[in-house]
């Protein structure tokens, strides 16, 4: 299987397969970019912005931009709404 950036970024602490599937489905449903999907997976796995930045080799400000774009595309306003949005898919 082809390794994706999120797979490499989380190789030491892989996200559960169901979380990966939920994020992949959300990426298709909400037309997320590849990098937004990478950030979404780590965000949904409970990682902080600095940790995501380090794992994906991005600046924290870039991660914040991706998170802002994710929130807009998913129609949420806070992290607490993320799990519900992923599980419901709506």
Protein backbone atom coordinates (compact mmCIF):
# COMPACT_ATOMS: atom_id res chain seq x y z
CA UNK A 1 0.00 0.00 0.00
CA UNK A 2 1.16 3.50 -0.79
CA UNK A 3 2.18 5.53 2.28
CA UNK A 4 0.60 8.94 2.55
CA UNK A 5 2.05 11.96 4.39
CA UNK A 6 -0.33 11.45 7.32
CA UNK A 7 0.77 7.82 7.55
CA UNK A 8 4.40 8.87 7.74
CA UNK A 9 3.65 11.67 10.19
CA UNK A 10 1.85 9.32 12.54
CA UNK A 11 4.02 6.24 12.01
CA UNK A 12 5.18 6.26 15.64
CA UNK A 13 1.65 6.79 16.94
CA UNK A 14 -0.81 5.67 14.27
CA UNK A 15 -4.40 6.83 14.44
CA UNK A 16 -7.00 4.11 14.75
CA UNK A 17 -8.06 2.70 11.39
CA UNK A 18 -11.64 3.83 11.90
CA UNK A 19 -10.46 7.39 12.53
CA UNK A 20 -8.39 7.26 9.35
CA UNK A 21 -11.46 6.03 7.46
CA UNK A 22 -13.67 8.75 8.95
CA UNK A 23 -11.15 11.42 7.95
CA UNK A 24 -10.84 10.01 4.43
CA UNK A 25 -14.61 10.03 4.06
CA UNK A 26 -14.78 13.61 5.38
CA UNK A 27 -12.06 14.61 2.90
CA UNK A 28 -14.20 13.36 0.02
CA UNK A 29 -17.47 14.73 1.41
CA UNK A 30 -16.13 18.21 2.16
CA UNK A 31 -13.66 18.44 -0.74
CA UNK A 32 -10.60 18.80 1.51
CA UNK A 33 -7.11 19.21 0.14
CA UNK A 34 -4.58 16.47 0.82
CA UNK A 35 -2.85 18.60 3.45
CA UNK A 36 -6.15 19.51 5.11
CA UNK A 37 -6.87 15.79 5.39
CA UNK A 38 -3.45 15.23 6.98
CA UNK A 39 -4.15 18.00 9.51
CA UNK A 40 -7.67 16.71 10.11
CA UNK A 41 -6.41 13.23 10.99
CA UNK A 42 -3.93 14.55 13.53
CA UNK A 43 -6.42 17.08 14.92
CA UNK A 44 -9.08 14.39 15.32
CA UNK A 45 -6.48 12.21 17.05
CA UNK A 46 -6.10 14.92 19.70
CA UNK A 47 -2.81 16.48 18.59
CA UNK A 48 -2.09 20.11 19.39
CA UNK A 49 -1.27 22.72 16.77
CA UNK A 50 2.47 22.72 17.66
CA UNK A 51 2.57 18.91 17.54
CA UNK A 52 0.84 18.85 14.15
CA UNK A 53 3.28 21.46 12.87
CA UNK A 54 6.22 19.37 14.00
CA UNK A 55 4.88 16.09 12.63
CA UNK A 56 3.98 17.56 9.24
CA UNK A 57 7.02 19.87 9.08
CA UNK A 58 4.89 23.00 8.80
CA UNK A 59 4.89 26.28 10.64
CA UNK A 60 2.29 26.59 13.41
CA UNK A 61 0.72 29.46 11.47
CA UNK A 62 0.28 27.22 8.43
CA UNK A 63 -1.41 24.61 10.62
CA UNK A 64 -3.70 27.31 12.03
CA UNK A 65 -4.66 28.29 8.48
CA UNK A 66 -5.46 24.66 7.62
CA UNK A 67 -7.51 24.32 10.82
CA UNK A 68 -9.43 27.52 10.02
CA UNK A 69 -10.13 26.21 6.50
CA UNK A 70 -11.22 22.85 7.92
CA UNK A 71 -13.63 24.49 10.34
CA UNK A 72 -15.11 26.56 7.50
CA UNK A 73 -15.50 23.58 5.16
CA UNK A 74 -16.92 21.31 7.87
CA UNK A 75 -19.21 24.04 9.19
CA UNK A 76 -17.93 23.89 12.76
CA UNK A 77 -16.59 26.50 15.16
CA UNK A 78 -14.55 24.53 17.67
CA UNK A 79 -12.58 21.33 18.16
CA UNK A 80 -15.29 19.85 20.35
CA UNK A 81 -17.60 19.72 17.30
CA UNK A 82 -15.06 17.85 15.21
CA UNK A 83 -15.75 14.32 16.47
CA UNK A 84 -19.48 14.73 16.02
CA UNK A 85 -19.04 16.03 12.49
CA UNK A 86 -16.76 13.13 11.56
CA UNK A 87 -19.08 10.50 13.01
CA UNK A 88 -22.24 11.96 11.52
CA UNK A 89 -20.70 12.97 8.23
CA UNK A 90 -23.16 15.83 7.95
